[in-house]
Amino acid sequence: MDFLKTFTEDYFPSQSDAFAEKLSNLLTKKKFKKKEIIVKLKEIPSKFYILKKGIVRSYIVGSQGKEHIKILYTKNNIFAPMTALIKKKPSLYSFDCLTDCEILEGNYTDLLALTNSNLEFSILYSKILEEMYVRTDNKIHDLSILNATERFKKLKKEKPTIENLIKQYHIASYLNITPTQLSRIKKENYSK
């Protein structure tokens, strides 16, 4: 409950005890092992997730068999295949664990029902959608404007220990570069 209180206070600080209790009742604690799949490609999803601990990625495999990571989620992030949930269609992305993870899982339909009847849930949902939009917009911006070295430096600033937590080819995929390019960038940056 303390984790949820802290998590939701980041979205809006003033909330009722009833809200916290309803949110807690909506969620189930889950543990996932490294490499475990949370949402499969083309699965019609029904859940949303709050990451308490670990790293999760959303990704797709291209026609050449190369993985393309859309987003890396770290602790205190909410994630879900939102387009698939909203449209009730198969997910365009897979979600899996890059480390062992502790996750809170909730039913999306139940959350929507609460947003229609409870102002606090409506505010929370709105804030979550805003955060997801901004995160995706920032990724598109970075891929469009920043070069590979700038993207690496930004990732290191946002997630300083990322290199110790996940494989280098996952970092390269997230940055939309090859592992060889990543090695070159790291060599140049760490030699300075």
N, C-alpha and C. Protein backbone atom coordinates (compact mmCIF):
# COMPACT_ATOMS: atom_id res chain seq x y z
N MET A 1 0.83 -1.19 0.00
CA MET A 1 0.00 0.00 0.00
C MET A 1 0.87 1.26 0.00
N ASP A 2 2.01 1.25 0.75
CA ASP A 2 2.89 2.41 0.78
C ASP A 2 3.44 2.71 -0.61
N PHE A 3 3.83 1.66 -1.35
CA PHE A 3 4.33 1.84 -2.71
C PHE A 3 3.27 2.52 -3.57
N LEU A 4 2.03 2.04 -3.50
CA LEU A 4 0.95 2.62 -4.30
C LEU A 4 0.70 4.07 -3.95
N LYS A 5 0.72 4.37 -2.68
CA LYS A 5 0.49 5.75 -2.23
C LYS A 5 1.56 6.67 -2.82
N THR A 6 2.81 6.25 -2.71
CA THR A 6 3.92 7.04 -3.26
C THR A 6 3.80 7.15 -4.77
N PHE A 7 3.48 6.02 -5.42
CA PHE A 7 3.36 5.99 -6.87
C PHE A 7 2.27 6.95 -7.36
N THR A 8 1.10 6.90 -6.75
CA THR A 8 -0.01 7.74 -7.21
C THR A 8 0.16 9.20 -6.82
N GLU A 9 0.89 9.47 -5.74
CA GLU A 9 1.14 10.86 -5.34
C GLU A 9 1.96 11.60 -6.39
N ASP A 10 2.76 10.87 -7.16
CA ASP A 10 3.50 11.50 -8.24
C ASP A 10 2.55 12.04 -9.32
N TYR A 11 1.39 11.42 -9.44
CA TYR A 11 0.40 11.86 -10.44
C TYR A 11 -0.50 12.97 -9.90
N PHE A 12 -0.96 12.80 -8.68
CA PHE A 12 -1.73 13.86 -8.02
C PHE A 12 -1.64 13.66 -6.50
N PRO A 13 -1.16 14.70 -5.81
CA PRO A 13 -0.84 14.56 -4.40
C PRO A 13 -2.03 14.39 -3.45
N SER A 14 -3.15 15.01 -3.75
CA SER A 14 -4.29 14.91 -2.81
C SER A 14 -5.25 13.84 -3.27
N GLN A 15 -5.41 12.82 -2.45
CA GLN A 15 -6.30 11.70 -2.79
C GLN A 15 -6.92 11.15 -1.51
N SER A 16 -8.07 10.56 -1.66
CA SER A 16 -8.78 10.04 -0.50
C SER A 16 -8.27 8.64 -0.12
N ASP A 17 -8.54 8.24 1.11
CA ASP A 17 -8.20 6.89 1.55
C ASP A 17 -9.02 5.86 0.78
N ALA A 18 -10.25 6.21 0.43
CA ALA A 18 -11.11 5.30 -0.34
C ALA A 18 -10.50 5.01 -1.71
N PHE A 19 -9.91 6.05 -2.31
CA PHE A 19 -9.25 5.87 -3.61
C PHE A 19 -8.10 4.86 -3.49
N ALA A 20 -7.25 5.06 -2.49
CA ALA A 20 -6.10 4.18 -2.29
C ALA A 20 -6.55 2.74 -2.08
N GLU A 21 -7.62 2.56 -1.33
CA GLU A 21 -8.12 1.21 -1.06
C GLU A 21 -8.69 0.58 -2.34
N LYS A 22 -9.46 1.34 -3.10
CA LYS A 22 -10.02 0.81 -4.36
C LYS A 22 -8.92 0.44 -5.33
N LEU A 23 -7.89 1.29 -5.42
CA LEU A 23 -6.77 1.00 -6.32
C LEU A 23 -6.04 -0.26 -5.87
N SER A 24 -5.81 -0.39 -4.59
CA SER A 24 -5.15 -1.57 -4.05
C SER A 24 -5.95 -2.84 -4.36
N ASN A 25 -7.27 -2.75 -4.24
CA ASN A 25 -8.14 -3.90 -4.53
C ASN A 25 -8.16 -4.26 -6.02
N LEU A 26 -7.85 -3.29 -6.86
CA LEU A 26 -7.85 -3.49 -8.31
C LEU A 26 -6.61 -4.26 -8.78
N LEU A 27 -5.55 -4.21 -7.97
CA LEU A 27 -4.25 -4.73 -8.40
C LEU A 27 -3.87 -6.04 -7.71
N THR A 28 -3.14 -6.86 -8.45
CA THR A 28 -2.62 -8.13 -7.94
C THR A 28 -1.11 -8.12 -8.06
N LYS A 29 -0.43 -8.53 -7.00
CA LYS A 29 1.04 -8.60 -7.02
C LYS A 29 1.47 -9.83 -7.82
N LYS A 30 2.45 -9.61 -8.69
CA LYS A 30 2.98 -10.71 -9.51
C LYS A 30 4.50 -10.62 -9.52
N LYS A 31 5.14 -11.77 -9.67
CA LYS A 31 6.59 -11.81 -9.87
C LYS A 31 6.85 -12.51 -11.19
N PHE A 32 7.74 -11.92 -11.96
CA PHE A 32 8.12 -12.49 -13.25
C PHE A 32 9.63 -12.68 -13.26
N LYS A 33 10.07 -13.76 -13.84
CA LYS A 33 11.49 -14.05 -13.98
C LYS A 33 12.04 -13.38 -15.24
N LYS A 34 13.34 -13.19 -15.25
CA LYS A 34 14.03 -12.66 -16.42
C LYS A 34 13.65 -13.51 -17.64
N LYS A 35 13.37 -12.86 -18.75
CA LYS A 35 12.98 -13.46 -20.04
C LYS A 35 11.51 -13.90 -20.08
N GLU A 36 10.79 -13.77 -18.99
CA GLU A 36 9.39 -14.18 -18.99
C GLU A 36 8.55 -13.16 -19.77
N ILE A 37 7.64 -13.66 -20.56
CA ILE A 37 6.78 -12.81 -21.40
C ILE A 37 5.57 -12.37 -20.59
N ILE A 38 5.26 -11.09 -20.66
CA ILE A 38 4.10 -10.53 -19.98
C ILE A 38 2.94 -10.39 -20.96
N VAL A 39 3.22 -9.83 -22.14
CA VAL A 39 2.22 -9.69 -23.21
C VAL A 39 2.86 -10.23 -24.49
N LYS A 40 2.16 -11.14 -25.15
CA LYS A 40 2.66 -11.71 -26.40
C LYS A 40 2.23 -10.86 -27.59
N LEU A 41 3.06 -10.86 -28.62
CA LEU A 41 2.73 -10.23 -29.88
C LEU A 41 1.42 -10.83 -30.41
N LYS A 42 0.53 -9.99 -30.86
CA LYS A 42 -0.76 -10.37 -31.45
C LYS A 42 -1.78 -10.88 -30.43
N GLU A 43 -1.41 -10.83 -29.15
CA GLU A 43 -2.36 -11.18 -28.09
C GLU A 43 -3.32 -10.01 -27.89
N ILE A 44 -4.59 -10.29 -27.67
CA ILE A 44 -5.54 -9.23 -27.33
C ILE A 44 -5.46 -9.06 -25.81
N PRO A 45 -4.87 -7.95 -25.37
CA PRO A 45 -4.61 -7.77 -23.95
C PRO A 45 -5.84 -7.34 -23.17
N SER A 46 -5.77 -7.54 -21.85
CA SER A 46 -6.84 -7.09 -20.97
C SER A 46 -6.29 -6.46 -19.69
N LYS A 47 -4.98 -6.40 -19.57
CA LYS A 47 -4.34 -5.95 -18.32
C LYS A 47 -3.47 -4.72 -18.54
N PHE A 48 -3.25 -4.00 -17.43
CA PHE A 48 -2.24 -2.95 -17.37
C PHE A 48 -1.33 -3.29 -16.20
N TYR A 49 -0.14 -2.68 -16.16
CA TYR A 49 0.87 -3.09 -15.20
C TYR A 49 1.58 -1.89 -14.59
N ILE A 50 1.95 -2.03 -13.32
CA ILE A 50 2.80 -1.05 -12.64
C ILE A 50 4.06 -1.80 -12.22
N LEU A 51 5.20 -1.32 -12.68
CA LEU A 51 6.47 -1.99 -12.40
C LEU A 51 7.06 -1.48 -11.09
N LYS A 52 7.12 -2.36 -10.10
CA LYS A 52 7.70 -2.02 -8.80
C LYS A 52 9.21 -2.19 -8.81
N LYS A 53 9.69 -3.22 -9.49
CA LYS A 53 11.11 -3.54 -9.48
C LYS A 53 11.46 -4.26 -10.77
N GLY A 54 12.61 -3.91 -11.37
CA GLY A 54 13.08 -4.60 -12.55
C GLY A 54 13.03 -3.74 -13.80
N ILE A 55 13.26 -4.40 -14.93
CA ILE A 55 13.23 -3.73 -16.24
C ILE A 55 12.41 -4.58 -17.20
N VAL A 56 11.47 -3.93 -17.87
CA VAL A 56 10.61 -4.56 -18.87
C VAL A 56 10.81 -3.81 -20.19
N ARG A 57 10.74 -4.52 -21.28
CA ARG A 57 10.82 -3.86 -22.59
C ARG A 57 9.56 -4.15 -23.39
N SER A 58 9.20 -3.20 -24.25
CA SER A 58 8.22 -3.47 -25.28
C SER A 58 9.01 -3.49 -26.59
N TYR A 59 8.74 -4.49 -27.42
CA TYR A 59 9.55 -4.64 -28.63
C TYR A 59 8.78 -5.38 -29.72
N ILE A 60 9.34 -5.29 -30.91
CA ILE A 60 8.82 -6.02 -32.06
C ILE A 60 10.01 -6.60 -32.81
N VAL A 61 9.79 -7.70 -33.49
CA VAL A 61 10.84 -8.31 -34.29
C VAL A 61 10.55 -7.99 -35.75
N GLY A 62 11.53 -7.36 -36.42
CA GLY A 62 11.37 -6.97 -37.82
C GLY A 62 11.46 -8.15 -38.77
N SER A 63 11.25 -7.87 -40.04
CA SER A 63 11.23 -8.94 -41.06
C SER A 63 12.58 -9.64 -41.19
N GLN A 64 13.67 -8.98 -40.83
CA GLN A 64 15.00 -9.58 -40.89
C GLN A 64 15.36 -10.34 -39.61
N GLY A 65 14.39 -10.39 -38.65
CA GLY A 65 14.63 -11.08 -37.39
C GLY A 65 15.29 -10.21 -36.33
N LYS A 66 15.47 -8.92 -36.62
CA LYS A 66 16.10 -8.01 -35.67
C LYS A 66 15.05 -7.47 -34.70
N GLU A 67 15.41 -7.46 -33.41
CA GLU A 67 14.52 -6.91 -32.39
C GLU A 67 14.64 -5.39 -32.37
N HIS A 68 13.50 -4.73 -32.23
CA HIS A 68 13.45 -3.28 -32.12
C HIS A 68 12.72 -2.94 -30.83
N ILE A 69 13.46 -2.40 -29.85
CA ILE A 69 12.86 -2.05 -28.57
C ILE A 69 12.23 -0.68 -28.68
N LYS A 70 10.94 -0.62 -28.36
CA LYS A 70 10.23 0.65 -28.37
C LYS A 70 10.52 1.43 -27.10
N ILE A 71 10.26 0.82 -25.94
CA ILE A 71 10.43 1.49 -24.67
C ILE A 71 11.06 0.53 -23.66
N LEU A 72 11.94 1.07 -22.81
CA LEU A 72 12.44 0.35 -21.64
C LEU A 72 11.73 0.92 -20.42
N TYR A 73 11.08 0.06 -19.68
CA TYR A 73 10.35 0.48 -18.47
C TYR A 73 11.17 0.09 -17.24
N THR A 74 11.34 1.02 -16.34
CA THR A 74 12.04 0.75 -15.09
C THR A 74 11.07 0.99 -13.94
N LYS A 75 11.55 0.76 -12.72
CA LYS A 75 10.66 0.83 -11.56
C LYS A 75 9.85 2.13 -11.54
N ASN A 76 8.66 2.01 -10.98
CA ASN A 76 7.70 3.11 -10.86
C ASN A 76 7.12 3.57 -12.19
N ASN A 77 7.19 2.70 -13.20
CA ASN A 77 6.56 2.99 -14.49
C ASN A 77 5.30 2.16 -14.63
N ILE A 78 4.32 2.76 -15.28
CA ILE A 78 3.11 2.01 -15.64
C ILE A 78 3.24 1.68 -17.12
N PHE A 79 2.82 0.49 -17.50
CA PHE A 79 2.94 0.11 -18.91
C PHE A 79 1.80 -0.81 -19.31
N ALA A 80 1.54 -0.82 -20.60
CA ALA A 80 0.52 -1.68 -21.19
C ALA A 80 0.56 -1.45 -22.70
N PRO A 81 0.07 -2.40 -23.47
CA PRO A 81 -0.07 -2.17 -24.90
C PRO A 81 -1.33 -1.31 -25.12
N MET A 82 -1.20 0.00 -24.91
CA MET A 82 -2.37 0.88 -24.83
C MET A 82 -3.21 0.90 -26.10
N THR A 83 -2.59 0.95 -27.25
CA THR A 83 -3.37 0.97 -28.49
C THR A 83 -4.23 -0.28 -28.58
N ALA A 84 -3.65 -1.42 -28.26
CA ALA A 84 -4.39 -2.69 -28.30
C ALA A 84 -5.51 -2.70 -27.26
N LEU A 85 -5.25 -2.18 -26.07
CA LEU A 85 -6.29 -2.13 -25.04
C LEU A 85 -7.44 -1.22 -25.46
N ILE A 86 -7.10 -0.03 -25.94
CA ILE A 86 -8.13 0.94 -26.31
C ILE A 86 -8.98 0.43 -27.48
N LYS A 87 -8.31 -0.14 -28.48
CA LYS A 87 -9.03 -0.59 -29.68
C LYS A 87 -9.54 -2.03 -29.59
N LYS A 88 -9.17 -2.71 -28.49
CA LYS A 88 -9.54 -4.13 -28.31
C LYS A 88 -9.07 -4.97 -29.50
N LYS A 89 -7.81 -4.74 -29.87
CA LYS A 89 -7.19 -5.44 -31.00
C LYS A 89 -5.90 -6.09 -30.54
N PRO A 90 -5.35 -6.98 -31.35
CA PRO A 90 -4.09 -7.64 -30.97
C PRO A 90 -2.95 -6.63 -30.79
N SER A 91 -2.08 -6.92 -29.84
CA SER A 91 -0.94 -6.06 -29.55
C SER A 91 0.07 -6.11 -30.69
N LEU A 92 0.59 -4.95 -31.04
CA LEU A 92 1.64 -4.86 -32.06
C LEU A 92 3.02 -5.11 -31.47
N TYR A 93 3.09 -5.17 -30.14
CA TYR A 93 4.36 -5.34 -29.45
C TYR A 93 4.28 -6.48 -28.45
N SER A 94 5.44 -7.07 -28.19
CA SER A 94 5.60 -8.02 -27.08
C SER A 94 6.18 -7.24 -25.91
N PHE A 95 5.88 -7.70 -24.70
CA PHE A 95 6.45 -7.14 -23.49
C PHE A 95 7.07 -8.29 -22.72
N ASP A 96 8.36 -8.16 -22.38
CA ASP A 96 8.99 -9.20 -21.56
C ASP A 96 9.96 -8.58 -20.57
N CYS A 97 10.41 -9.41 -19.65
CA CYS A 97 11.27 -8.97 -18.56
C CYS A 97 12.73 -9.14 -18.94
N LEU A 98 13.50 -8.06 -18.80
CA LEU A 98 14.94 -8.13 -19.03
C LEU A 98 15.69 -8.45 -17.74
N THR A 99 14.98 -8.35 -16.62
CA THR A 99 15.50 -8.74 -15.31
C THR A 99 14.34 -9.41 -14.56
N ASP A 100 14.59 -9.97 -13.41
CA ASP A 100 13.49 -10.42 -12.55
C ASP A 100 12.69 -9.18 -12.18
N CYS A 101 11.37 -9.31 -12.15
CA CYS A 101 10.50 -8.14 -11.93
C CYS A 101 9.42 -8.41 -10.89
N GLU A 102 9.08 -7.36 -10.18
CA GLU A 102 7.90 -7.34 -9.31
C GLU A 102 6.93 -6.36 -9.94
N ILE A 103 5.71 -6.83 -10.17
CA ILE A 103 4.74 -6.07 -10.93
C ILE A 103 3.38 -6.11 -10.26
N LEU A 104 2.66 -5.01 -10.34
CA LEU A 104 1.25 -4.97 -9.95
C LEU A 104 0.44 -5.03 -11.23
N GLU A 105 -0.50 -5.96 -11.29
CA GLU A 105 -1.30 -6.18 -12.49
C GLU A 105 -2.75 -5.82 -12.21
N GLY A 106 -3.37 -5.11 -13.15
CA GLY A 106 -4.77 -4.74 -12.99
C GLY A 106 -5.56 -4.99 -14.27
N ASN A 107 -6.85 -5.17 -14.11
CA ASN A 107 -7.74 -5.37 -15.25
C ASN A 107 -8.11 -4.01 -15.82
N TYR A 108 -7.86 -3.83 -17.10
CA TYR A 108 -8.09 -2.55 -17.77
C TYR A 108 -9.57 -2.17 -17.79
N THR A 109 -10.45 -3.12 -18.03
CA THR A 109 -11.89 -2.85 -18.06
C THR A 109 -12.38 -2.37 -16.70
N ASP A 110 -11.86 -2.99 -15.64
CA ASP A 110 -12.22 -2.56 -14.28
C ASP A 110 -11.73 -1.14 -14.01
N LEU A 111 -10.53 -0.83 -14.47
CA LEU A 111 -10.00 0.53 -14.31
C LEU A 111 -10.88 1.53 -15.05
N LEU A 112 -11.27 1.20 -16.28
CA LEU A 112 -12.13 2.11 -17.05
C LEU A 112 -13.46 2.33 -16.35
N ALA A 113 -14.04 1.28 -15.79
CA ALA A 113 -15.31 1.42 -15.07
C ALA A 113 -15.15 2.40 -13.91
N LEU A 114 -14.03 2.31 -13.21
CA LEU A 114 -13.79 3.23 -12.10
C LEU A 114 -13.57 4.67 -12.59
N THR A 115 -12.96 4.83 -13.76
CA THR A 115 -12.75 6.19 -14.28
C THR A 115 -14.07 6.85 -14.63
N ASN A 116 -15.06 6.06 -14.98
CA ASN A 116 -16.39 6.60 -15.33
C ASN A 116 -17.22 6.97 -14.11
N SER A 117 -16.85 6.42 -12.95
CA SER A 117 -17.67 6.66 -11.76
C SER A 117 -16.93 7.37 -10.62
N ASN A 118 -15.63 7.61 -10.81
CA ASN A 118 -14.83 8.16 -9.71
C ASN A 118 -13.86 9.20 -10.27
N LEU A 119 -13.97 10.42 -9.82
CA LEU A 119 -13.14 11.51 -10.33
C LEU A 119 -11.66 11.24 -10.10
N GLU A 120 -11.29 10.69 -8.96
CA GLU A 120 -9.88 10.42 -8.69
C GLU A 120 -9.29 9.41 -9.68
N PHE A 121 -10.06 8.39 -10.01
CA PHE A 121 -9.58 7.42 -11.00
C PHE A 121 -9.53 8.05 -12.39
N SER A 122 -10.46 8.91 -12.67
CA SER A 122 -10.45 9.63 -13.94
C SER A 122 -9.20 10.50 -14.08
N ILE A 123 -8.84 11.19 -13.00
CA ILE A 123 -7.63 12.02 -12.99
C ILE A 123 -6.39 11.14 -13.16
N LEU A 124 -6.33 10.04 -12.40
CA LEU A 124 -5.19 9.13 -12.50
C LEU A 124 -5.04 8.61 -13.93
N TYR A 125 -6.13 8.16 -14.52
CA TYR A 125 -6.09 7.62 -15.89
C TYR A 125 -5.61 8.68 -16.87
N SER A 126 -6.12 9.89 -16.74
CA SER A 126 -5.71 10.99 -17.62
C SER A 126 -4.22 11.26 -17.48
N LYS A 127 -3.73 11.31 -16.26
CA LYS A 127 -2.31 11.58 -16.02
C LYS A 127 -1.43 10.45 -16.57
N ILE A 128 -1.89 9.21 -16.43
CA ILE A 128 -1.14 8.07 -16.96
C ILE A 128 -1.06 8.14 -18.48
N LEU A 129 -2.18 8.44 -19.12
CA LEU A 129 -2.17 8.56 -20.58
C LEU A 129 -1.24 9.69 -21.03
N GLU A 130 -1.26 10.80 -20.30
CA GLU A 130 -0.35 11.91 -20.63
C GLU A 130 1.10 11.45 -20.54
N GLU A 131 1.43 10.73 -19.46
CA GLU A 131 2.80 10.26 -19.28
C GLU A 131 3.21 9.32 -20.41
N MET A 132 2.33 8.40 -20.79
CA MET A 132 2.64 7.46 -21.86
C MET A 132 2.84 8.19 -23.19
N TYR A 133 2.00 9.18 -23.43
CA TYR A 133 2.13 9.95 -24.67
C TYR A 133 3.47 10.69 -24.69
N VAL A 134 3.80 11.36 -23.59
CA VAL A 134 5.05 12.13 -23.52
C VAL A 134 6.26 11.21 -23.70
N ARG A 135 6.23 10.04 -23.05
CA ARG A 135 7.34 9.09 -23.17
C ARG A 135 7.53 8.65 -24.62
N THR A 136 6.44 8.33 -25.31
CA THR A 136 6.53 7.92 -26.70
C THR A 136 6.96 9.07 -27.59
N ASP A 137 6.41 10.25 -27.35
CA ASP A 137 6.78 11.43 -28.12
C ASP A 137 8.26 11.75 -27.96
N ASN A 138 8.78 11.64 -26.73
CA ASN A 138 10.20 11.88 -26.48
C ASN A 138 11.07 10.88 -27.23
N LYS A 139 10.65 9.63 -27.28
CA LYS A 139 11.44 8.61 -27.99
C LYS A 139 11.48 8.93 -29.48
N ILE A 140 10.34 9.32 -30.04
CA ILE A 140 10.30 9.68 -31.46
C ILE A 140 11.19 10.90 -31.71
N HIS A 141 11.10 11.87 -30.84
CA HIS A 141 11.95 13.07 -30.96
C HIS A 141 13.43 12.69 -30.95
N ASP A 142 13.82 11.87 -29.96
CA ASP A 142 15.22 11.49 -29.83
C ASP A 142 15.72 10.76 -31.07
N LEU A 143 14.92 9.85 -31.61
CA LEU A 143 15.33 9.12 -32.81
C LEU A 143 15.41 10.03 -34.03
N SER A 144 14.58 11.07 -34.04
CA SER A 144 14.55 11.99 -35.18
C SER A 144 15.66 13.03 -35.13
N ILE A 145 15.99 13.52 -33.94
CA ILE A 145 16.87 14.68 -33.79
C ILE A 145 18.27 14.34 -33.27
N LEU A 146 18.36 13.44 -32.32
CA LEU A 146 19.65 13.15 -31.68
C LEU A 146 20.45 12.11 -32.46
N ASN A 147 21.76 12.28 -32.47
CA ASN A 147 22.58 11.24 -33.08
C ASN A 147 22.77 10.11 -32.06
N ALA A 148 23.41 9.03 -32.48
CA ALA A 148 23.53 7.84 -31.63
C ALA A 148 24.27 8.14 -30.33
N THR A 149 25.32 8.94 -30.39
CA THR A 149 26.08 9.28 -29.18
C THR A 149 25.23 10.09 -28.21
N GLU A 150 24.47 11.03 -28.74
CA GLU A 150 23.59 11.85 -27.89
C GLU A 150 22.50 10.99 -27.24
N ARG A 151 21.97 10.04 -28.01
CA ARG A 151 20.94 9.15 -27.44
C ARG A 151 21.53 8.29 -26.32
N PHE A 152 22.76 7.80 -26.51
CA PHE A 152 23.42 7.00 -25.48
C PHE A 152 23.64 7.84 -24.22
N LYS A 153 24.14 9.05 -24.38
CA LYS A 153 24.39 9.92 -23.23
C LYS A 153 23.10 10.24 -22.48
N LYS A 154 22.02 10.45 -23.23
CA LYS A 154 20.72 10.74 -22.60
C LYS A 154 20.25 9.51 -21.80
N LEU A 155 20.37 8.34 -22.39
CA LEU A 155 19.98 7.11 -21.68
C LEU A 155 20.79 6.94 -20.40
N LYS A 156 22.10 7.16 -20.47
CA LYS A 156 22.96 7.03 -19.29
C LYS A 156 22.59 8.04 -18.21
N LYS A 157 22.18 9.24 -18.63
CA LYS A 157 21.78 10.26 -17.66
C LYS A 157 20.47 9.85 -16.97
N GLU A 158 19.53 9.32 -17.76
CA GLU A 158 18.22 8.93 -17.22
C GLU A 158 18.29 7.63 -16.41
N LYS A 159 19.14 6.70 -16.86
CA LYS A 159 19.25 5.38 -16.22
C LYS A 159 20.73 5.04 -16.07
N PRO A 160 21.40 5.65 -15.08
CA PRO A 160 22.86 5.54 -14.95
C PRO A 160 23.41 4.11 -14.83
N THR A 161 22.65 3.19 -14.26
CA THR A 161 23.18 1.83 -14.05
C THR A 161 22.70 0.84 -15.11
N ILE A 162 22.09 1.33 -16.17
CA ILE A 162 21.46 0.45 -17.17
C ILE A 162 22.45 -0.58 -17.73
N GLU A 163 23.72 -0.18 -17.93
CA GLU A 163 24.70 -1.09 -18.53
C GLU A 163 25.00 -2.29 -17.62
N ASN A 164 24.78 -2.13 -16.33
CA ASN A 164 25.03 -3.22 -15.39
C ASN A 164 23.82 -4.15 -15.25
N LEU A 165 22.68 -3.74 -15.80
CA LEU A 165 21.44 -4.47 -15.57
C LEU A 165 20.95 -5.29 -16.75
N ILE A 166 21.21 -4.80 -17.97
CA ILE A 166 20.71 -5.51 -19.15
C ILE A 166 21.84 -5.70 -20.17
N LYS A 167 21.59 -6.59 -21.11
CA LYS A 167 22.61 -6.90 -22.12
C LYS A 167 22.82 -5.72 -23.07
N GLN A 168 24.04 -5.64 -23.57
CA GLN A 168 24.42 -4.52 -24.44
C GLN A 168 23.60 -4.50 -25.73
N TYR A 169 23.24 -5.67 -26.27
CA TYR A 169 22.46 -5.65 -27.51
C TYR A 169 21.05 -5.12 -27.28
N HIS A 170 20.54 -5.22 -26.03
CA HIS A 170 19.25 -4.61 -25.73
C HIS A 170 19.38 -3.08 -25.70
N ILE A 171 20.47 -2.61 -25.14
CA ILE A 171 20.70 -1.16 -25.13
C ILE A 171 20.84 -0.66 -26.57
N ALA A 172 21.60 -1.37 -27.38
CA ALA A 172 21.78 -0.99 -28.78
C ALA A 172 20.43 -0.97 -29.51
N SER A 173 19.61 -1.98 -29.28
CA SER A 173 18.30 -2.04 -29.92
C SER A 173 17.43 -0.86 -29.51
N TYR A 174 17.45 -0.53 -28.22
CA TYR A 174 16.68 0.61 -27.73
C TYR A 174 17.14 1.91 -28.37
N LEU A 175 18.46 2.04 -28.57
CA LEU A 175 19.02 3.25 -29.16
C LEU A 175 18.92 3.26 -30.69
N ASN A 176 18.45 2.15 -31.26
CA ASN A 176 18.30 1.98 -32.71
C ASN A 176 19.66 2.04 -33.42
N ILE A 177 20.62 1.33 -32.82
CA ILE A 177 21.95 1.21 -33.41
C ILE A 177 22.39 -0.25 -33.30
N THR A 178 23.50 -0.57 -33.93
CA THR A 178 24.03 -1.93 -33.84
C THR A 178 24.88 -2.07 -32.57
N PRO A 179 25.08 -3.29 -32.09
CA PRO A 179 25.97 -3.49 -30.95
C PRO A 179 27.39 -2.98 -31.23
N THR A 180 27.85 -3.09 -32.48
CA THR A 180 29.18 -2.59 -32.84
C THR A 180 29.24 -1.07 -32.69
N GLN A 181 28.19 -0.38 -33.15
CA GLN A 181 28.14 1.08 -32.98
C GLN A 181 28.16 1.44 -31.49
N LEU A 182 27.40 0.69 -30.68
CA LEU A 182 27.36 0.96 -29.25
C LEU A 182 28.75 0.79 -28.63
N SER A 183 29.46 -0.25 -29.01
CA SER A 183 30.81 -0.47 -28.48
C SER A 183 31.72 0.70 -28.83
N ARG A 184 31.62 1.17 -30.07
CA ARG A 184 32.42 2.31 -30.52
C ARG A 184 32.10 3.57 -29.71
N ILE A 185 30.82 3.83 -29.52
CA ILE A 185 30.37 5.00 -28.77
C ILE A 185 30.88 4.92 -27.33
N LYS A 186 30.73 3.76 -26.71
CA LYS A 186 31.19 3.59 -25.33
C LYS A 186 32.70 3.78 -25.22
N LYS A 187 33.44 3.24 -26.17
CA LYS A 187 34.89 3.36 -26.17
C LYS A 187 35.29 4.84 -26.25
N GLU A 188 34.63 5.57 -27.16
CA GLU A 188 34.93 7.00 -27.32
C GLU A 188 34.57 7.79 -26.06
N ASN A 189 33.41 7.48 -25.46
CA ASN A 189 32.97 8.23 -24.29
C ASN A 189 33.77 7.91 -23.04
N TYR A 190 34.14 6.65 -22.87
CA TYR A 190 34.86 6.29 -21.66
C TYR A 190 36.34 6.59 -21.74
N SER A 191 36.86 6.84 -22.95
CA SER A 191 38.27 7.18 -23.08
C SER A 191 38.52 8.67 -22.82
N LYS A 192 37.43 9.46 -22.79
CA LYS A 192 37.57 10.91 -22.56
C LYS A 192 37.72 11.23 -21.11
